[in-house]
Each structure stands twice: as C-alpha cells, then as structure tokens.
Protein backbone atom coordinates (compact mmCIF):
# COMPACT_ATOMS: atom_id res chain seq x y z
CA UNK A 1 -31.67 -7.76 -0.10
CA UNK A 2 -30.02 -7.57 3.31
CA UNK A 3 -30.64 -3.86 3.09
CA UNK A 4 -34.02 -4.07 2.14
CA UNK A 5 -34.02 -2.65 -1.37
CA UNK A 6 -36.28 -5.33 -2.53
CA UNK A 7 -39.93 -5.81 -1.59
CA UNK A 8 -39.57 -9.50 -0.97
CA UNK A 9 -43.29 -9.75 0.02
CA UNK A 10 -44.28 -9.48 -3.48
CA UNK A 11 -42.69 -12.68 -4.24
CA UNK A 12 -44.77 -14.73 -1.62
CA UNK A 13 -45.84 -17.99 -3.56
CA UNK A 14 -43.27 -17.24 -6.14
CA UNK A 15 -40.05 -18.19 -4.43
CA UNK A 16 -38.49 -19.85 -7.56
CA UNK A 17 -39.07 -16.66 -9.45
CA UNK A 18 -37.16 -14.83 -6.72
CA UNK A 19 -34.32 -17.55 -6.51
CA UNK A 20 -33.92 -17.40 -10.36
CA UNK A 21 -33.99 -13.57 -10.18
CA UNK A 22 -31.11 -13.42 -7.37
CA UNK A 23 -29.00 -16.14 -9.51
CA UNK A 24 -29.28 -13.96 -12.49
CA UNK A 25 -28.30 -11.06 -10.75
CA UNK A 26 -25.25 -12.77 -9.28
CA UNK A 27 -24.17 -14.09 -12.85
CA UNK A 28 -24.46 -10.89 -14.48
CA UNK A 29 -22.66 -8.89 -11.84
CA UNK A 30 -19.74 -11.43 -11.87
CA UNK A 31 -19.64 -11.48 -15.76
CA UNK A 32 -19.57 -7.62 -15.58
CA UNK A 33 -16.78 -7.84 -13.04
CA UNK A 34 -14.57 -10.05 -15.23
CA UNK A 35 -15.17 -7.68 -18.36
CA UNK A 36 -14.35 -4.68 -16.36
CA UNK A 37 -11.25 -6.15 -14.84
CA UNK A 38 -10.03 -7.32 -18.21
CA UNK A 39 -10.58 -3.74 -19.52
CA UNK A 40 -8.91 -2.46 -16.41
CA UNK A 41 -11.96 -0.27 -15.39
CA UNK A 42 -12.38 1.16 -12.02
CA UNK A 43 -15.50 -0.50 -10.75
CA UNK A 44 -17.08 -1.84 -7.49
CA UNK A 45 -18.35 -4.96 -6.77
CA UNK A 46 -21.06 -3.58 -4.27
CA UNK A 47 -22.24 -1.24 -7.14
CA UNK A 48 -22.46 -4.18 -9.59
CA UNK A 49 -24.73 -6.44 -7.51
CA UNK A 50 -26.80 -3.63 -6.59
CA UNK A 51 -27.36 -2.53 -9.88
CA UNK A 52 -28.30 -6.15 -11.26
CA UNK A 53 -30.67 -6.69 -8.44
CA UNK A 54 -32.41 -3.39 -9.25
CA UNK A 55 -32.55 -4.73 -12.93
CA UNK A 56 -34.07 -8.06 -12.24
CA UNK A 57 -36.65 -6.61 -9.69
CA UNK A 58 -37.91 -3.99 -12.48
CA UNK A 59 -38.18 -6.95 -14.96
CA UNK A 60 -39.96 -9.01 -12.32
CA UNK A 61 -42.18 -6.73 -10.62
CA UNK A 62 -41.82 -3.40 -11.84
CA UNK A 63 -41.20 -0.10 -9.69
CA UNK A 64 -43.35 -1.70 -7.15
CA UNK A 65 -40.73 -4.21 -6.12
CA UNK A 66 -38.25 -1.76 -5.03
CA UNK A 67 -37.80 0.21 -1.65
CA UNK A 68 -36.69 3.48 -3.16
CA UNK A 69 -35.90 5.11 0.25
CA UNK A 70 -33.44 2.40 1.13
CA UNK A 71 -32.23 2.56 -2.63
CA UNK A 72 -31.67 6.34 -2.04
CA UNK A 73 -29.73 5.68 1.01
CA UNK A 74 -27.53 3.30 -0.61
CA UNK A 75 -26.68 5.42 -3.74
CA UNK A 76 -26.31 8.51 -1.59
CA UNK A 77 -23.54 6.62 0.35
CA UNK A 78 -21.64 6.17 -2.84
CA UNK A 79 -21.03 9.81 -2.86
CA UNK A 80 -20.54 10.58 0.75
CA UNK A 81 -18.11 7.83 1.65
CA UNK A 82 -15.35 8.94 -0.83
CA UNK A 83 -15.47 12.61 0.37
CA UNK A 84 -15.53 11.50 4.14
CA UNK A 85 -12.80 8.99 3.48
CA UNK A 86 -10.67 11.60 1.77
CA UNK A 87 -11.28 14.16 4.84
CA UNK A 88 -10.05 11.43 7.37
CA UNK A 89 -7.08 10.38 5.05
CA UNK A 90 -5.91 14.01 4.91
CA UNK A 91 -6.36 14.45 8.47
CA UNK A 92 -4.38 11.19 9.35
CA UNK A 93 -1.67 12.15 7.07
CA UNK A 94 -1.17 15.54 8.42
CA UNK A 95 -1.00 14.13 11.85
CA UNK A 96 1.67 11.58 11.00
CA UNK A 97 3.61 13.92 8.89
CA UNK A 98 3.59 16.76 11.65
CA UNK A 99 4.22 14.48 14.89
CA UNK A 100 6.24 11.64 13.55
CA UNK A 101 8.04 12.28 10.04
CA UNK A 102 9.10 15.68 10.86
CA UNK A 103 9.83 14.96 14.59
CA UNK A 104 13.22 15.53 16.01
CA UNK A 105 13.65 11.65 16.25
CA UNK A 106 11.20 10.05 13.77
CA UNK A 107 11.79 6.47 14.80
CA UNK A 108 11.35 7.19 18.54
CA UNK A 109 7.98 8.99 17.48
CA UNK A 110 7.00 5.95 15.45
CA UNK A 111 7.62 3.65 18.32
CA UNK A 112 5.43 6.13 20.65
CA UNK A 113 2.54 6.03 18.07
CA UNK A 114 2.45 2.44 17.35
CA UNK A 115 0.49 1.07 20.39
CA UNK A 116 -2.05 4.24 19.63
CA UNK A 117 -2.74 3.05 16.08
CA UNK A 118 -3.03 -0.35 17.23
CA UNK A 119 -5.42 0.24 19.94
CA UNK A 120 -7.50 2.94 17.79
CA UNK A 121 -8.00 0.46 14.98
CA UNK A 122 -9.01 -2.60 17.12
CA UNK A 123 -11.70 -0.18 19.13
CA UNK A 124 -13.17 0.93 15.77
CA UNK A 125 -13.53 -2.57 14.43
CA UNK A 126 -14.97 -3.92 17.68
CA UNK A 127 -17.53 -1.16 17.99
CA UNK A 128 -18.51 -1.41 14.24
CA UNK A 129 -19.34 -5.06 14.74
CA UNK A 130 -21.14 -4.80 17.99
CA UNK A 131 -23.34 -1.87 16.52
CA UNK A 132 -23.91 -3.21 12.98
CA UNK A 133 -23.20 -6.94 13.54
CA UNK A 134 -25.24 -10.21 13.21
CA UNK A 135 -28.72 -9.75 14.62
CA UNK A 136 -30.80 -12.23 16.64
CA UNK A 137 -32.54 -14.64 14.55
CA UNK A 138 -34.75 -17.60 15.32
CA UNK A 139 -35.86 -20.65 13.67
CA UNK A 140 -38.55 -23.00 14.64
CA UNK A 141 -37.29 -26.89 14.40
CA UNK A 142 -39.28 -29.52 16.01
CA UNK A 143 -41.07 -26.91 18.01
CA UNK A 144 -37.85 -25.93 19.70
CA UNK A 145 -36.71 -22.12 19.20
CA UNK A 146 -33.07 -21.82 18.15
CA UNK A 147 -30.97 -18.90 18.31
CA UNK A 148 -28.99 -18.88 15.06
CA UNK A 149 -26.74 -15.63 15.75
CA UNK A 150 -25.57 -13.49 18.52
CA UNK A 151 -27.54 -10.96 20.60
CA UNK A 152 -25.85 -8.00 18.64
CA UNK A 153 -28.94 -6.04 18.29
CA UNK A 154 -29.80 -6.27 22.08
CA UNK A 155 -26.55 -4.44 23.03
CA UNK A 156 -26.80 -0.90 24.44
CA UNK A 157 -24.65 1.54 22.65
CA UNK A 158 -23.04 2.80 25.77
CA UNK A 159 -22.03 -0.75 26.46
CA UNK A 160 -20.62 -1.33 22.99
CA UNK A 161 -18.40 1.83 23.40
CA UNK A 162 -16.97 1.15 26.55
CA UNK A 163 -16.32 -2.39 25.65
CA UNK A 164 -14.62 -1.30 22.60
CA UNK A 165 -12.42 1.39 24.26
CA UNK A 166 -11.38 -1.30 26.87
CA UNK A 167 -10.37 -3.78 24.33
CA UNK A 168 -8.49 -1.12 22.52
CA UNK A 169 -6.56 0.00 25.70
CA UNK A 170 -5.75 -3.77 26.14
CA UNK A 171 -4.50 -4.16 22.68
CA UNK A 172 -2.23 -0.84 23.05
CA UNK A 173 -0.89 -2.23 26.35
CA UNK A 174 0.02 -5.48 24.76
CA UNK A 175 1.51 -3.82 21.48
CA UNK A 176 3.79 -1.69 23.91
CA UNK A 177 4.90 -4.61 25.78
CA UNK A 178 5.38 -7.23 23.10
CA UNK A 179 5.32 -5.52 19.35
CA UNK A 180 7.36 -2.59 20.03
CA UNK A 181 10.30 -4.37 21.85
CA UNK A 182 10.34 -6.99 18.85
CA UNK A 183 10.54 -4.02 16.27
CA UNK A 184 13.18 -2.54 17.96
CA UNK A 185 15.17 -5.57 17.95
CA UNK A 186 14.44 -6.48 14.28
CA UNK A 187 15.52 -2.76 13.23
CA UNK A 188 18.48 -2.83 15.16
CA UNK A 189 19.57 -6.25 13.77
CA UNK A 190 18.90 -5.08 10.44
CA UNK A 191 21.01 -1.90 10.78
CA UNK A 192 23.97 -4.06 12.25
CA UNK A 193 23.78 -6.54 9.07
CA UNK A 194 23.88 -3.57 6.81
CA UNK A 195 27.25 -2.26 8.19
CA UNK A 196 29.85 -2.85 5.45
CA UNK A 197 33.14 -1.27 4.40
CA UNK A 198 33.12 1.61 2.15
CA UNK A 199 34.31 0.96 -1.29
CA UNK A 200 36.26 3.54 -3.39
CA UNK A 201 36.22 2.81 -7.40
CA UNK A 202 38.61 4.90 -9.81
CA UNK A 203 39.17 3.40 -13.04
CA UNK A 204 40.49 0.02 -12.39
CA UNK A 205 41.43 0.33 -8.75
CA UNK A 206 39.41 -0.72 -6.01
CA UNK A 207 39.89 0.05 -2.44
CA UNK A 208 37.56 -1.55 0.16
CA UNK A 209 39.42 -0.31 3.15
CA UNK A 210 37.92 3.00 4.87
CA UNK A 211 41.39 3.73 6.24
CA UNK A 212 43.41 3.45 3.15
CA UNK A 213 43.41 5.64 0.27
CA UNK A 214 42.57 4.43 -3.24
CA UNK A 215 45.53 3.96 -5.50
CA UNK A 216 45.23 4.14 -9.17
CA UNK A 217 47.44 2.03 -11.51
CA UNK A 218 50.10 3.79 -13.27
CA UNK A 219 49.89 4.39 -17.04
CA UNK A 220 52.50 2.44 -18.90
CA UNK A 221 54.94 4.70 -20.52
CA UNK A 222 54.87 2.92 -23.99
CA UNK A 223 51.17 4.24 -24.30
CA UNK A 224 52.44 7.71 -24.65
CA UNK A 225 55.84 7.43 -26.16
CA UNK A 226 55.03 5.84 -29.48
CA UNK A 227 53.51 8.87 -31.02
CA UNK A 228 55.24 11.98 -29.06
CA UNK A 229 58.88 10.47 -28.80
CA UNK A 230 59.80 10.49 -32.21
CA UNK A 231 58.83 14.20 -32.86
CA UNK A 232 60.49 15.24 -29.65
CA UNK A 233 63.55 13.28 -30.71
CA UNK A 234 63.82 15.01 -34.10
CA UNK A 235 63.22 18.52 -33.06
CA UNK A 236 65.82 17.95 -30.13
CA UNK A 237 68.19 16.66 -32.61
CA UNK A 238 67.72 19.49 -35.24
CA UNK A 239 68.19 22.18 -32.36
CA UNK A 240 71.30 20.50 -31.26
CA UNK A 241 72.83 20.14 -34.51
CA UNK A 242 71.95 23.83 -35.60
CA UNK A 243 73.52 25.12 -32.45
CA UNK A 244 76.63 23.10 -33.01
CA UNK A 245 76.62 24.06 -36.57
CA UNK A 246 77.42 20.40 -37.72
CA UNK A 247 78.14 19.84 -41.58
CA UNK A 248 75.60 16.82 -41.45
CA UNK A 249 72.62 19.36 -40.99
CA UNK A 250 71.59 19.23 -44.58
CA UNK A 251 71.74 15.36 -44.52
CA UNK A 252 69.51 15.30 -41.45
CA UNK A 253 66.99 17.64 -43.01
CA UNK A 254 66.72 15.64 -46.38
C-alpha cells in the first residue's frame, strides 16, 4: 500500500472492509511463509505480502482496485534486482581477489582497504535514507498542525550526495584511526598465542621438542625369537654335526 498498488479511494466509507482485507492479506502471507519455511522453499516475504494484497483487492473491488503501473514496476524489480546485484557482486569479488587476496602482502592490503569498505558502505546507506526515507506528514490535532516525520523529501539531491560522501569520509578516517589498530593488535595477539612446539609422533614415541629428534622404542627381542630361533638353532646344529661327522647325526635327525 505504501508503494501505491491499491486504489484506496475506492474504500472511502468502507474503511472496515479495507482493514479486514489488509488483516486477511497479512494472515495469509504469514501462513504461507510458515508453510514454505517448513517445506524449505526459497520464497520472499515481500512477494508474499504483495501477492496476498493483490488477491484481497481483486476479490473486494476487482481490477479497478489496483494500480497496474505501480504493480508492473514492483514485479519488474523482482527480475531486475537479482541481475544487478549479481553484476555488482561479481565486480566486487574480482576487485577483492585481484587487489587483496592475490596481493604480495594480503594482510597489509586488507588493512588498507578496510577504511574504504567502511566509508563506502556508510555513504551508500546515508544517501539511500536521504533520497528514499520518511516523507513529511502532517496531522491536524486540536487545530494544530504537527509534523510527524522528517523533511526528507525536501532535501535536494546534491545536498544528500555531498552529505553522504562527507560522512563516509569521516567514517573512513575513524576506521583508520580506531578499527585498524585494534584489528592489528587482535591478529598479533592471536598469532602469538597460537605458537606451540612442534610434536612428532612415531608409533608409541612422542617428542614435543623441536630441537630433539624423535626416538622410537626398541622392540623386545622375545617378540621375534620365539618363532625364528628354534629353526635357526636346528639348522645350525645340523650343519655343525655334518661338518664334524659326528656319530650322533642320525639321532638328531630322528
């Protein structure tokens, strides 16, 4: 309704009908959001409330109750905004990868770019609020005109742009003086605390000293001598007996 998709003048004298219709649109969009969230469907709350508002207006006043030009603008923005945001995202990612991530010193480049990101973000928010913020609205109360909101619609465009740029520069300077040194100290302390001795692990031996060499426990002799020593002893005895031609050779073979 704020965008003007409904022809509210058709509800003059039928304010209760308009109120019930808006309540029905709000309830239906809320139920659909809950169902879609449960089903894990990718939906938008803005699309849901716009569709439910159009639905109740078509039922209540037919096609005359809608501003089709405003509705076309809203629907067109649903298709244009993803394309534009994708283009901006690609350009921003390319700049970050080229000038920060692939720089000779990425950490230093990141510190240089931090005030720029803070300042530009703040400036964009300020200019968007100044150009599309709350408008002037007056209310007659006891024969006194009261200004309910700010005079955002009376601010010239050039003043809004200059003010946003100035505030963005101020935020960038404050970021360079306060945020950047704080982040440097934080990263330095984290790197200092993460320095630990290197641990070498070989089987059952653990050596935590970087200078010393890991030592492996010796294998007990009894582990290999139980099966191999009797055979070696028998062959050695046979060879020694055959070389000496002892008369007890037959007894050993038996």
